[in-house]
Amino acid sequence: MTGRTQLSKGPLTHTLRGIVTVLNTPFTEDDRLDLDSLQRNVVRALEAGVAGFLVPALAGEVGQLSFDERIALVRTVIDRSKDCPSPASSAGLGANRKAGSRPYIIGGATASEPKERLRAAEALVRMGCDGVLVWIPYTTDKEYAEQVREIASLKPPFLMLQDWDPSGPGLPIPLIQRLFEEVEEFQALKVETIPAGPKYTAVLQATGGKLHVSGGWAVTQMIEGLDRQVHAFMPTGMHEVYCEIYRRYASGDRKGATDLFHRILPILAFSNQHLDLSILFFKRLLWKEGTYATPRCRKLSLAFDSIQERIADELIELAIQTREQVQGGRFEL
């Protein structure tokens, strides 16, 4: 177990701030988990100063993983994070991480069937994850609330609900407010809706700013999210660049944060066309950087054609160049 005590409502909004990396799942050429590549990614992200990890998630191809594979991924991240605590240089990130501390580990319990979600969530709590994230398809307020309470009954240190609706407004605000007031474990919401900006503000207002709110798919509006006082952001890849954007903004340098964010907007515009394209792009980036041994994915509905692959490689060059400039302290417009 992590040794962290149950968090009361409110402190999570102060302690979990910054970049929480959603880890892509690496595979070998023969389609097995590549835990060595995963560890390299974890170390890179920690050295960049991320506040935590989410694993496995939609961007981690969670629907293509067996139960045992899910557990192996989370165990690897927990163990590697213990071995590689945050460097002193990350203490200025504005997150919970002091030098030498372990990042937050949020285990993903999303699954196609309620029983599978419960089984995954129970295992994540036993493993000592700091929080459990789950996406539950919305049908009615009553049915949704019942499934949330089932997960909450397992007593995770905190429960993060994924408000995933890439084509619409997502969960009703009154339902979010009621669940926050009635379910002690529900302390965090990952907003991934269209549009995300006004939803951030509405959720924060409805919960008096006490519900932890993070942005995921809407990272293309990161500066807007920061302006709306969103607590954390959950992108995949480009750890050093995202952490530097957050550092600049947190230190009061909004222009510097915006300048750097504008540099990567073409990358986000291309990769965020579809979840599958995002997975393809960021795995390819991790592969080109030497972090992952292969760019292999499992059973995605989309694949790059020759033109997309060429554009992806051009944008990967931009991503690598920007990272090198950030690491060298040379990025200025």
Protein backbone atom coordinates (compact mmCIF):
# COMPACT_ATOMS: atom_id res chain seq x y z
CA MET A 1 0.00 0.00 0.00
CA THR A 2 1.06 3.63 -0.50
CA GLY A 3 0.61 4.65 3.12
CA ARG A 4 -1.48 7.66 2.09
CA THR A 5 -4.49 8.27 4.30
CA GLN A 6 -7.99 8.89 3.00
CA LEU A 7 -8.15 12.36 1.49
CA SER A 8 -10.91 14.67 2.67
CA LYS A 9 -12.73 16.82 0.14
CA GLY A 10 -10.74 19.84 -0.79
CA PRO A 11 -7.05 18.91 -0.26
CA LEU A 12 -6.84 17.00 -3.55
CA THR A 13 -7.42 20.29 -5.36
CA HIS A 14 -4.28 21.63 -3.67
CA THR A 15 -2.04 18.58 -3.84
CA LEU A 16 -2.68 17.10 -7.30
CA ARG A 17 -1.73 19.86 -9.69
CA GLY A 18 0.23 19.93 -12.91
CA ILE A 19 0.66 17.25 -15.55
CA VAL A 20 -0.66 13.72 -15.03
CA THR A 21 0.65 11.61 -17.88
CA VAL A 22 -1.69 9.11 -19.54
CA LEU A 23 0.64 6.28 -20.48
CA ASN A 24 0.38 4.64 -23.90
CA THR A 25 0.74 0.87 -23.65
CA PRO A 26 3.90 -0.36 -25.43
CA PHE A 27 3.90 -3.73 -27.22
CA THR A 28 6.67 -5.91 -28.60
CA GLU A 29 6.77 -6.98 -32.24
CA ASP A 30 5.05 -10.23 -31.23
CA ASP A 31 2.26 -8.31 -29.44
CA ARG A 32 3.28 -8.83 -25.82
CA LEU A 33 3.48 -6.08 -23.21
CA ASP A 34 6.82 -4.29 -23.37
CA LEU A 35 7.37 -3.40 -19.73
CA ASP A 36 10.96 -2.25 -20.35
CA SER A 37 9.70 0.46 -22.71
CA LEU A 38 7.00 1.41 -20.20
CA GLN A 39 9.64 1.89 -17.52
CA ARG A 40 11.67 4.14 -19.81
CA ASN A 41 8.59 6.28 -20.39
CA VAL A 42 7.86 6.50 -16.67
CA VAL A 43 11.43 7.61 -15.90
CA ARG A 44 11.36 10.26 -18.63
CA ALA A 45 8.07 11.64 -17.35
CA LEU A 46 9.29 11.73 -13.75
CA GLU A 47 12.45 13.52 -14.76
CA ALA A 48 10.31 16.08 -16.61
CA GLY A 49 8.38 16.72 -13.39
CA VAL A 50 4.95 15.17 -13.93
CA ALA A 51 2.63 15.10 -10.90
CA GLY A 52 1.40 11.59 -11.58
CA PHE A 53 0.30 8.87 -13.97
CA LEU A 54 -2.99 7.45 -15.23
CA VAL A 55 -2.73 3.80 -16.28
CA PRO A 56 -4.35 2.07 -18.12
CA ALA A 57 -6.73 4.43 -19.91
CA LEU A 58 -8.51 4.79 -23.24
CA ALA A 59 -5.28 6.13 -24.74
CA GLY A 60 -3.58 3.03 -23.32
CA GLU A 61 -5.85 0.78 -25.40
CA VAL A 62 -7.43 -0.50 -22.19
CA GLY A 63 -10.16 -2.33 -24.11
CA GLN A 64 -7.52 -4.51 -25.77
CA LEU A 65 -5.82 -5.59 -22.55
CA SER A 66 -6.42 -8.72 -20.50
CA PHE A 67 -6.99 -8.39 -16.76
CA ASP A 68 -3.51 -9.72 -16.04
CA GLU A 69 -1.95 -7.26 -18.50
CA ARG A 70 -3.75 -4.37 -16.82
CA ILE A 71 -2.40 -5.39 -13.45
CA ALA A 72 1.12 -5.83 -14.83
CA LEU A 73 1.09 -2.30 -16.26
CA VAL A 74 -0.04 -0.71 -13.01
CA ARG A 75 2.37 -2.76 -10.91
CA THR A 76 5.26 -1.72 -13.17
CA VAL A 77 4.39 1.97 -12.88
CA ILE A 78 4.04 1.78 -9.09
CA ASP A 79 7.32 -0.07 -8.67
CA ARG A 80 9.28 2.12 -11.10
CA SER A 81 7.92 5.28 -9.50
CA LYS A 82 9.17 4.12 -6.09
CA ASP A 83 12.62 3.57 -7.57
CA CYS A 84 12.69 6.92 -9.34
CA PRO A 85 11.25 9.68 -7.13
CA SER A 86 10.98 13.25 -8.34
CA PRO A 87 14.17 15.26 -8.79
CA ALA A 88 14.59 18.49 -6.86
CA SER A 89 14.16 20.40 -10.12
CA SER A 90 10.51 19.35 -10.36
CA ALA A 91 9.56 20.94 -7.05
CA GLY A 92 8.69 24.19 -8.82
CA LEU A 93 6.03 22.54 -10.94
CA GLY A 94 3.28 23.80 -8.69
CA ALA A 95 2.15 20.25 -8.00
CA ASN A 96 2.13 18.02 -4.92
CA ARG A 97 5.59 16.66 -5.61
CA LYS A 98 8.39 17.69 -3.31
CA ALA A 99 11.89 16.50 -4.07
CA GLY A 100 12.10 12.77 -3.39
CA SER A 101 8.34 12.22 -3.30
CA ARG A 102 6.43 9.59 -5.27
CA PRO A 103 3.91 10.77 -7.88
CA TYR A 104 0.21 10.06 -7.72
CA ILE A 105 -0.72 6.78 -9.39
CA ILE A 106 -4.29 6.72 -10.69
CA GLY A 107 -5.39 3.28 -11.78
CA GLY A 108 -7.82 3.00 -14.69
CA ALA A 109 -10.78 0.70 -14.01
CA THR A 110 -12.67 1.37 -17.24
CA ALA A 111 -14.14 -1.80 -18.76
CA SER A 112 -17.01 -2.75 -21.05
CA GLU A 113 -19.02 -4.55 -18.35
CA PRO A 114 -19.89 -3.39 -14.81
CA LYS A 115 -18.53 -6.59 -13.25
CA GLU A 116 -15.23 -6.10 -15.07
CA ARG A 117 -15.04 -2.49 -13.81
CA LEU A 118 -15.63 -3.62 -10.24
CA ARG A 119 -13.02 -6.36 -10.50
CA ALA A 120 -10.46 -3.95 -11.93
CA ALA A 121 -11.23 -1.26 -9.35
CA GLU A 122 -10.97 -3.74 -6.48
CA ALA A 123 -7.55 -4.89 -7.71
CA LEU A 124 -6.33 -1.30 -8.08
CA VAL A 125 -7.36 -0.45 -4.53
CA ARG A 126 -5.57 -3.56 -3.23
CA MET A 127 -2.43 -2.61 -5.15
CA GLY A 128 -2.28 0.74 -3.40
CA CYS A 129 -3.22 3.15 -6.19
CA ASP A 130 -3.77 6.68 -4.90
CA GLY A 131 -6.95 6.96 -6.92
CA VAL A 132 -9.17 5.00 -9.29
CA LEU A 133 -10.55 6.41 -12.55
CA VAL A 134 -13.56 4.93 -14.29
CA TRP A 135 -15.57 5.79 -17.37
CA ILE A 136 -19.19 4.71 -17.04
CA PRO A 137 -21.50 5.09 -20.05
CA TYR A 138 -24.31 7.48 -19.18
CA THR A 139 -27.90 6.29 -19.63
CA THR A 140 -29.95 7.77 -16.79
CA ASP A 141 -29.04 9.64 -13.63
CA LYS A 142 -30.32 6.77 -11.50
CA GLU A 143 -28.39 4.02 -13.27
CA TYR A 144 -25.22 6.08 -13.46
CA ALA A 145 -25.36 6.96 -9.75
CA GLU A 146 -25.85 3.32 -8.80
CA GLN A 147 -22.74 2.27 -10.71
CA VAL A 148 -20.70 5.10 -9.19
CA ARG A 149 -21.75 4.01 -5.71
CA GLU A 150 -20.71 0.43 -6.48
CA ILE A 151 -17.19 1.56 -7.32
CA ALA A 152 -17.12 3.92 -4.33
CA SER A 153 -18.08 1.07 -2.00
CA LEU A 154 -14.60 -0.37 -2.59
CA LYS A 155 -13.23 2.67 -0.75
CA PRO A 156 -10.52 3.94 -3.11
CA PRO A 157 -8.53 6.84 -1.60
CA PHE A 158 -10.32 8.91 -4.21
CA LEU A 159 -12.58 8.17 -7.16
CA MET A 160 -12.11 10.08 -10.41
CA LEU A 161 -14.98 9.93 -12.90
CA GLN A 162 -14.18 10.30 -16.59
CA ASP A 163 -16.64 12.65 -18.26
CA TRP A 164 -15.88 11.34 -21.76
CA ASP A 165 -18.10 12.65 -24.56
CA PRO A 166 -15.97 13.82 -27.51
CA SER A 167 -19.05 14.93 -29.46
CA GLY A 168 -21.29 16.42 -26.77
CA PRO A 169 -21.73 18.01 -23.33
CA GLY A 170 -21.17 14.88 -21.23
CA LEU A 171 -22.58 14.31 -17.75
CA PRO A 172 -25.30 16.67 -16.48
CA ILE A 173 -23.99 19.28 -14.05
CA PRO A 174 -26.73 18.62 -11.45
CA LEU A 175 -25.77 14.91 -11.40
CA ILE A 176 -22.08 15.76 -10.89
CA GLN A 177 -23.00 18.13 -8.07
CA ARG A 178 -25.26 15.60 -6.35
CA LEU A 179 -22.72 12.80 -6.57
CA PHE A 180 -20.02 15.08 -5.19
CA GLU A 181 -22.20 15.99 -2.24
CA GLU A 182 -23.34 12.42 -1.53
CA VAL A 183 -20.39 10.16 -2.41
CA GLU A 184 -17.38 10.81 -0.19
CA GLU A 185 -14.93 9.01 -2.47
CA PHE A 186 -15.87 11.04 -5.55
CA GLN A 187 -13.28 13.80 -5.41
CA ALA A 188 -12.14 14.26 -9.00
CA LEU A 189 -13.54 14.64 -12.52
CA LYS A 190 -11.67 14.31 -15.80
CA VAL A 191 -13.55 16.48 -18.29
CA GLU A 192 -13.42 15.46 -21.96
CA THR A 193 -16.46 17.06 -23.55
CA ILE A 194 -17.42 19.47 -26.32
CA PRO A 195 -16.98 22.27 -25.44
CA ALA A 196 -14.79 21.69 -22.41
CA GLY A 197 -14.10 25.27 -21.31
CA PRO A 198 -17.56 26.27 -20.08
CA LYS A 199 -17.96 22.81 -18.51
CA TYR A 200 -14.82 23.35 -16.43
CA THR A 201 -16.24 26.58 -15.06
CA ALA A 202 -19.73 25.19 -14.49
CA VAL A 203 -18.40 22.17 -12.56
CA LEU A 204 -16.10 24.29 -10.40
CA GLN A 205 -18.91 26.72 -9.62
CA ALA A 206 -21.40 23.93 -8.83
CA THR A 207 -18.99 22.31 -6.36
CA GLY A 208 -17.60 25.48 -4.80
CA GLY A 209 -14.20 24.79 -6.33
CA LYS A 210 -13.78 21.71 -4.10
CA LEU A 211 -14.09 19.02 -6.78
CA HIS A 212 -10.75 18.35 -8.44
CA VAL A 213 -11.10 19.03 -12.18
CA SER A 214 -8.65 17.93 -14.85
CA GLY A 215 -8.59 18.24 -18.61
CA GLY A 216 -7.83 15.32 -20.89
CA TRP A 217 -8.85 15.23 -24.54
CA ALA A 218 -9.41 19.00 -24.45
CA VAL A 219 -5.71 19.64 -23.91
CA THR A 220 -5.96 21.56 -27.20
CA GLN A 221 -7.51 24.26 -24.97
CA MET A 222 -4.85 24.02 -22.26
CA ILE A 223 -4.33 27.77 -21.83
CA GLU A 224 -8.09 28.27 -21.58
CA GLY A 225 -8.19 25.51 -18.99
CA LEU A 226 -5.45 27.20 -16.97
CA ASP A 227 -7.32 30.51 -17.20
CA ARG A 228 -10.39 28.70 -15.85
CA GLN A 229 -8.32 27.36 -12.91
CA VAL A 230 -8.38 23.70 -13.90
CA HIS A 231 -6.20 21.77 -11.47
CA ALA A 232 -4.41 19.27 -13.73
CA PHE A 233 -4.04 18.15 -17.34
CA MET A 234 -3.76 14.60 -18.64
CA PRO A 235 -1.99 14.43 -22.01
CA THR A 236 0.07 11.61 -23.54
CA GLY A 237 3.68 12.16 -24.53
CA MET A 238 5.66 15.43 -24.78
CA HIS A 239 6.22 15.36 -21.01
CA GLU A 240 8.94 17.99 -20.95
CA VAL A 241 6.97 20.45 -23.07
CA TYR A 242 3.71 20.13 -21.15
CA CYS A 243 5.48 20.45 -17.80
CA GLU A 244 7.27 23.57 -19.02
CA ILE A 245 3.98 25.14 -20.17
CA TYR A 246 2.51 24.48 -16.75
CA ARG A 247 5.61 25.80 -14.94
CA ARG A 248 5.59 29.02 -16.92
CA TYR A 249 1.91 29.64 -16.30
CA ALA A 250 2.17 28.76 -12.59
CA SER A 251 5.07 31.20 -12.18
CA GLY A 252 2.99 34.02 -13.70
CA ASP A 253 4.48 33.89 -17.19
CA ARG A 254 1.24 33.46 -19.14
CA LYS A 255 2.78 34.83 -22.33
CA GLY A 256 5.70 32.41 -22.15
CA ALA A 257 3.31 29.53 -21.52
CA THR A 258 1.13 30.60 -24.43
CA ASP A 259 4.09 31.00 -26.80
CA LEU A 260 5.27 27.47 -26.05
CA PHE A 261 1.74 26.08 -26.30
CA HIS A 262 1.26 27.71 -29.70
CA ARG A 263 4.39 25.91 -30.93
CA ILE A 264 2.76 22.50 -30.38
CA LEU A 265 -0.74 23.40 -31.61
CA PRO A 266 -0.15 21.89 -35.09
CA ILE A 267 0.75 18.61 -33.36
CA LEU A 268 -2.43 18.68 -31.29
CA ALA A 269 -4.60 19.64 -34.27
CA PHE A 270 -3.33 16.60 -36.17
CA SER A 271 -3.28 14.04 -33.36
CA ASN A 272 -6.62 15.02 -31.79
CA GLN A 273 -8.68 14.34 -34.90
CA HIS A 274 -9.59 10.92 -33.45
CA LEU A 275 -8.55 8.87 -30.41
CA ASP A 276 -6.98 6.19 -32.63
CA LEU A 277 -4.92 8.79 -34.49
CA SER A 278 -3.74 10.16 -31.16
CA ILE A 279 -2.60 6.69 -30.05
CA LEU A 280 -0.86 6.11 -33.39
CA PHE A 281 0.88 9.47 -33.30
CA PHE A 282 2.17 9.44 -29.74
CA LYS A 283 3.35 5.85 -29.92
CA ARG A 284 5.20 6.73 -33.10
CA LEU A 285 6.71 9.75 -31.34
CA LEU A 286 7.81 7.64 -28.37
CA TRP A 287 9.31 5.13 -30.81
CA LYS A 288 11.17 7.79 -32.83
CA GLU A 289 12.52 9.25 -29.59
CA GLY A 290 13.84 5.84 -28.58
CA THR A 291 11.57 5.48 -25.55
CA TYR A 292 9.43 2.67 -27.03
CA ALA A 293 10.97 -0.24 -28.93
CA THR A 294 8.07 -0.34 -31.43
CA PRO A 295 5.12 1.86 -32.42
CA ARG A 296 2.82 -1.20 -32.41
CA CYS A 297 -0.88 -0.82 -31.57
CA ARG A 298 -3.64 -3.39 -31.09
CA LYS A 299 -6.74 -3.52 -33.29
CA LEU A 300 -7.35 0.18 -33.80
CA SER A 301 -10.16 1.16 -36.15
CA LEU A 302 -7.93 3.63 -38.01
CA ALA A 303 -4.41 3.50 -39.43
CA PHE A 304 -2.17 6.12 -41.03
CA ASP A 305 -2.15 6.20 -44.79
CA SER A 306 1.03 7.30 -46.57
CA ILE A 307 0.20 11.01 -46.44
CA GLN A 308 -0.75 10.96 -42.75
CA GLU A 309 2.43 9.07 -41.96
CA ARG A 310 4.53 11.69 -43.74
CA ILE A 311 2.77 14.53 -41.89
CA ALA A 312 3.09 12.65 -38.60
CA ASP A 313 6.84 12.33 -39.10
CA GLU A 314 7.15 16.05 -39.90
CA LEU A 315 5.28 16.90 -36.70
CA ILE A 316 7.36 14.42 -34.73
CA GLU A 317 10.45 16.33 -35.86
CA LEU A 318 8.80 19.50 -34.53
CA ALA A 319 7.98 17.79 -31.21
CA ILE A 320 11.55 16.52 -30.77
CA GLN A 321 13.05 19.89 -31.70
CA THR A 322 10.77 21.68 -29.23
CA ARG A 323 11.63 19.21 -26.45
CA GLU A 324 15.35 19.69 -27.06
CA GLN A 325 14.95 23.47 -26.95
CA VAL A 326 12.98 23.27 -23.71
CA GLN A 327 15.51 20.93 -22.12
CA GLY A 328 18.34 23.20 -23.18
CA GLY A 329 16.57 26.32 -21.93
CA ARG A 330 16.64 27.71 -25.44
CA PHE A 331 12.96 28.02 -26.35
CA GLU A 332 11.98 31.62 -27.04
CA LEU A 333 9.82 33.13 -29.75
